[in-house]
C-alpha atoms as a PDB file:
ATOM      1  CA  GLN A   1      12.477  11.655  -7.135  1.00  0.00           C
ATOM      2  CA  VAL A   2      11.073   8.397  -5.613  1.00  0.00           C
ATOM      3  CA  GLN A   3      10.778   5.414  -7.441  1.00  0.00           C
ATOM      4  CA  LEU A   4       8.474   2.750  -5.828  1.00  0.00           C
ATOM      5  CA  VAL A   5       8.319  -1.219  -6.842  1.00  0.00           C
ATOM      6  CA  GLU A   6       5.658  -3.215  -5.534  1.00  0.00           C
ATOM      7  CA  SER A   7       5.601  -7.087  -5.396  1.00  0.00           C
ATOM      8  CA  GLY A   8       3.358  -9.769  -3.932  1.00  0.00           C
ATOM      9  CA  GLY A   9       0.428  -9.667  -5.609  1.00  0.00           C
ATOM     10  CA  GLY A  10      -1.391 -12.486  -6.893  1.00  0.00           C
ATOM     11  CA  LEU A  11      -4.391 -14.819  -6.592  1.00  0.00           C
ATOM     12  CA  VAL A  12      -5.630 -15.486  -3.212  1.00  0.00           C
ATOM     13  CA  GLN A  13      -8.574 -17.357  -1.801  1.00  0.00           C
ATOM     14  CA  ALA A  14     -11.029 -15.446   0.534  1.00  0.00           C
ATOM     15  CA  GLY A  15     -10.369 -16.152   4.007  1.00  0.00           C
ATOM     16  CA  GLY A  16      -6.732 -16.343   3.189  1.00  0.00           C
ATOM     17  CA  SER A  17      -3.331 -14.223   3.413  1.00  0.00           C
ATOM     18  CA  LEU A  18      -1.381 -12.110   1.252  1.00  0.00           C
ATOM     19  CA  ARG A  19       1.561  -9.736   2.192  1.00  0.00           C
ATOM     20  CA  LEU A  20       2.471  -6.996  -0.536  1.00  0.00           C
ATOM     21  CA  SER A  21       5.839  -5.570  -0.483  1.00  0.00           C
ATOM     22  CA  CYS A  22       7.030  -2.001  -2.086  1.00  0.00           C
ATOM     23  CA  VAL A  23      10.793  -0.949  -2.120  1.00  0.00           C
ATOM     24  CA  ALA A  24      11.548   2.389  -2.200  1.00  0.00           C
ATOM     25  CA  SER A  25      14.619   4.299  -3.701  1.00  0.00           C
ATOM     26  CA  GLY A  26      15.657   7.739  -4.148  1.00  0.00           C
ATOM     27  CA  ASP A  27      14.797  10.894  -2.145  1.00  0.00           C
ATOM     28  CA  ILE A  28      12.804   8.740   0.375  1.00  0.00           C
ATOM     29  CA  PHE A  29      14.290  10.767   3.538  1.00  0.00           C
ATOM     30  CA  SER A  30      12.320  13.648   2.277  1.00  0.00           C
ATOM     31  CA  MET A  31       8.934  11.924   2.336  1.00  0.00           C
ATOM     32  CA  ASN A  32       6.424  12.480   5.140  1.00  0.00           C
ATOM     33  CA  ALA A  33       4.433   9.119   4.690  1.00  0.00           C
ATOM     34  CA  MET A  34       4.056   6.253   2.369  1.00  0.00           C
ATOM     35  CA  GLY A  35       0.496   3.932   1.846  1.00  0.00           C
ATOM     36  CA  TRP A  36      -0.988   1.536  -0.125  1.00  0.00           C
ATOM     37  CA  TYR A  37      -3.999   2.483  -2.718  1.00  0.00           C
ATOM     38  CA  ARG A  38      -6.224   0.133  -4.684  1.00  0.00           C
ATOM     39  CA  GLN A  39      -8.044   0.602  -7.807  1.00  0.00           C
ATOM     40  CA  ALA A  40     -10.812  -1.940  -8.662  1.00  0.00           C
ATOM     41  CA  PRO A  41     -12.296  -1.918 -12.471  1.00  0.00           C
ATOM     42  CA  ARG A  42     -14.506   1.059 -12.993  1.00  0.00           C
ATOM     43  CA  LYS A  43     -13.845   2.472  -9.498  1.00  0.00           C
ATOM     44  CA  GLN A  44     -11.829   5.041  -8.482  1.00  0.00           C
ATOM     45  CA  ARG A  45      -8.659   4.642  -6.621  1.00  0.00           C
ATOM     46  CA  GLU A  46      -9.116   4.393  -2.896  1.00  0.00           C
ATOM     47  CA  LEU A  47      -7.089   4.757   0.361  1.00  0.00           C
ATOM     48  CA  VAL A  48      -6.406   1.239   2.018  1.00  0.00           C
ATOM     49  CA  ALA A  49      -3.531   2.391   4.407  1.00  0.00           C
ATOM     50  CA  THR A  50      -0.733   4.890   5.192  1.00  0.00           C
ATOM     51  CA  ILE A  51       2.111   4.991   7.408  1.00  0.00           C
ATOM     52  CA  THR A  52       4.000   8.068   8.737  1.00  0.00           C
ATOM     53  CA  ALA A  53       7.901   8.054   7.766  1.00  0.00           C
ATOM     54  CA  ARG A  54       9.398   8.971  11.415  1.00  0.00           C
ATOM     55  CA  VAL A  55       6.996   8.176  14.107  1.00  0.00           C
ATOM     56  CA  GLY A  56       5.334   5.314  12.240  1.00  0.00           C
ATOM     57  CA  ILE A  57       1.464   6.603  12.828  1.00  0.00           C
ATOM     58  CA  THR A  58      -0.801   4.085  10.677  1.00  0.00           C
ATOM     59  CA  ASN A  59      -4.107   4.958   9.378  1.00  0.00           C
ATOM     60  CA  TYR A  60      -6.600   2.539   7.644  1.00  0.00           C
ATOM     61  CA  ALA A  61      -9.555   2.537   5.765  1.00  0.00           C
ATOM     62  CA  ASP A  62     -12.696   1.762   7.758  1.00  0.00           C
ATOM     63  CA  SER A  63     -13.498  -1.366   5.438  1.00  0.00           C
ATOM     64  CA  VAL A  64      -9.751  -3.412   6.224  1.00  0.00           C
ATOM     65  CA  LYS A  65      -9.356  -2.073   9.997  1.00  0.00           C
ATOM     66  CA  GLY A  66      -8.617  -5.383  11.924  1.00  0.00           C
ATOM     67  CA  ARG A  67      -7.728  -7.272   8.735  1.00  0.00           C
ATOM     68  CA  PHE A  68      -5.113  -5.311   7.207  1.00  0.00           C
ATOM     69  CA  THR A  69      -1.741  -4.170   8.434  1.00  0.00           C
ATOM     70  CA  ILE A  70       0.843  -1.904   6.922  1.00  0.00           C
ATOM     71  CA  SER A  71       4.288  -1.919   8.386  1.00  0.00           C
ATOM     72  CA  ARG A  72       7.668  -0.755   7.302  1.00  0.00           C
ATOM     73  CA  ASP A  73      11.214  -1.734   7.514  1.00  0.00           C
ATOM     74  CA  ASN A  74      13.156   1.490   7.263  1.00  0.00           C
ATOM     75  CA  ALA A  75      16.606  -0.339   7.012  1.00  0.00           C
ATOM     76  CA  LYS A  76      15.373  -2.219   3.941  1.00  0.00           C
ATOM     77  CA  ASN A  77      13.195   0.772   2.698  1.00  0.00           C
ATOM     78  CA  THR A  78      10.292  -1.380   2.306  1.00  0.00           C
ATOM     79  CA  VAL A  79       6.644  -0.788   3.415  1.00  0.00           C
ATOM     80  CA  TYR A  80       4.230  -4.106   3.430  1.00  0.00           C
ATOM     81  CA  LEU A  81       0.753  -4.316   3.517  1.00  0.00           C
ATOM     82  CA  GLN A  82      -0.161  -7.865   5.306  1.00  0.00           C
ATOM     83  CA  MET A  83      -4.051  -8.813   4.121  1.00  0.00           C
ATOM     84  CA  ASN A  84      -5.680 -11.407   6.341  1.00  0.00           C
ATOM     85  CA  SER A  85      -9.145 -12.617   5.142  1.00  0.00           C
ATOM     86  CA  PRO A  86      -9.678 -10.309   1.991  1.00  0.00           C
ATOM     87  CA  GLU A  87     -12.596 -10.270   0.410  1.00  0.00           C
ATOM     88  CA  PRO A  88     -13.432 -11.103  -3.379  1.00  0.00           C
ATOM     89  CA  GLU A  89     -14.755  -7.261  -3.725  1.00  0.00           C
ATOM     90  CA  GLU A  90     -11.336  -6.220  -2.799  1.00  0.00           C
ATOM     91  CA  THR A  91      -9.722  -7.606  -5.939  1.00  0.00           C
ATOM     92  CA  ALA A  92      -8.053  -4.911  -7.364  1.00  0.00           C
ATOM     93  CA  VAL A  93      -4.562  -3.170  -8.640  1.00  0.00           C
ATOM     94  CA  TYR A  94      -2.901  -2.154  -5.256  1.00  0.00           C
ATOM     95  CA  TYR A  95      -0.566   0.921  -5.685  1.00  0.00           C
ATOM     96  CA  CYS A  96       2.253   1.758  -3.183  1.00  0.00           C
ATOM     97  CA  ASN A  97       2.183   5.661  -2.571  1.00  0.00           C
ATOM     98  CA  ALA A  98       5.087   8.082  -1.128  1.00  0.00           C
ATOM     99  CA  ARG A  99       4.189  11.411  -0.319  1.00  0.00           C
ATOM    100  CA  LYS A 100       5.891  14.647   0.464  1.00  0.00           C
ATOM    101  CA  ASN A 101       3.861  17.214   2.119  1.00  0.00           C
ATOM    102  CA  GLY A 102       4.564  21.122   2.093  1.00  0.00           C
ATOM    103  CA  LEU A 103       3.533  24.288   0.337  1.00  0.00           C
ATOM    104  CA  LYS A 104       3.075  21.797  -2.652  1.00  0.00           C
ATOM    105  CA  ARG A 105       2.194  18.216  -2.280  1.00  0.00           C
ATOM    106  CA  TYR A 106       4.106  15.547  -4.189  1.00  0.00           C
ATOM    107  CA  ASP A 107       2.929  12.008  -4.811  1.00  0.00           C
ATOM    108  CA  TYR A 108       5.118   9.177  -5.916  1.00  0.00           C
ATOM    109  CA  TRP A 109       3.370   5.965  -7.251  1.00  0.00           C
ATOM    110  CA  GLY A 110       4.737   2.628  -7.935  1.00  0.00           C
ATOM    111  CA  GLN A 111       3.475   0.720 -11.072  1.00  0.00           C
ATOM    112  CA  GLY A 112       0.658  -1.336  -9.062  1.00  0.00           C
ATOM    113  CA  THR A 113       0.475  -5.442  -8.442  1.00  0.00           C
ATOM    114  CA  GLN A 114      -2.997  -6.938  -9.018  1.00  0.00           C
ATOM    115  CA  VAL A 115      -4.472  -8.771  -5.870  1.00  0.00           C
ATOM    116  CA  THR A 116      -7.403 -11.419  -7.130  1.00  0.00           C
ATOM    117  CA  VAL A 117      -9.337 -12.749  -4.371  1.00  0.00           C
ATOM    118  CA  SER A 118     -11.452 -15.431  -5.292  1.00  0.00           C
ATOM    119  CA  SER A 119     -14.633 -16.793  -3.367  1.00  0.00           C
END
């Protein structure tokens, strides 16, 4: 089991900056990757960025490349999402994810943090 707690959401102006944090606890050493997803009203949850647990390989949705940065601090069991120049259409609940791959994939989710981007 893995527990994830997000923080850092809030109101930000378009073109501003915001940093989200996700603190993980539990069986985190068995996780293969962590990431951020978001879900806007009446839309499906979508990938924002992921980072592998050991090597730190990152992957981004095309829409956020060059603006958002995912990083991790293993000593603090924390994953961050630095959001630069967010856009109003990126208003959503942002969720932290931890994934364990194998014969069966396990996904763990945080409770989400609301990000509202004003124009």
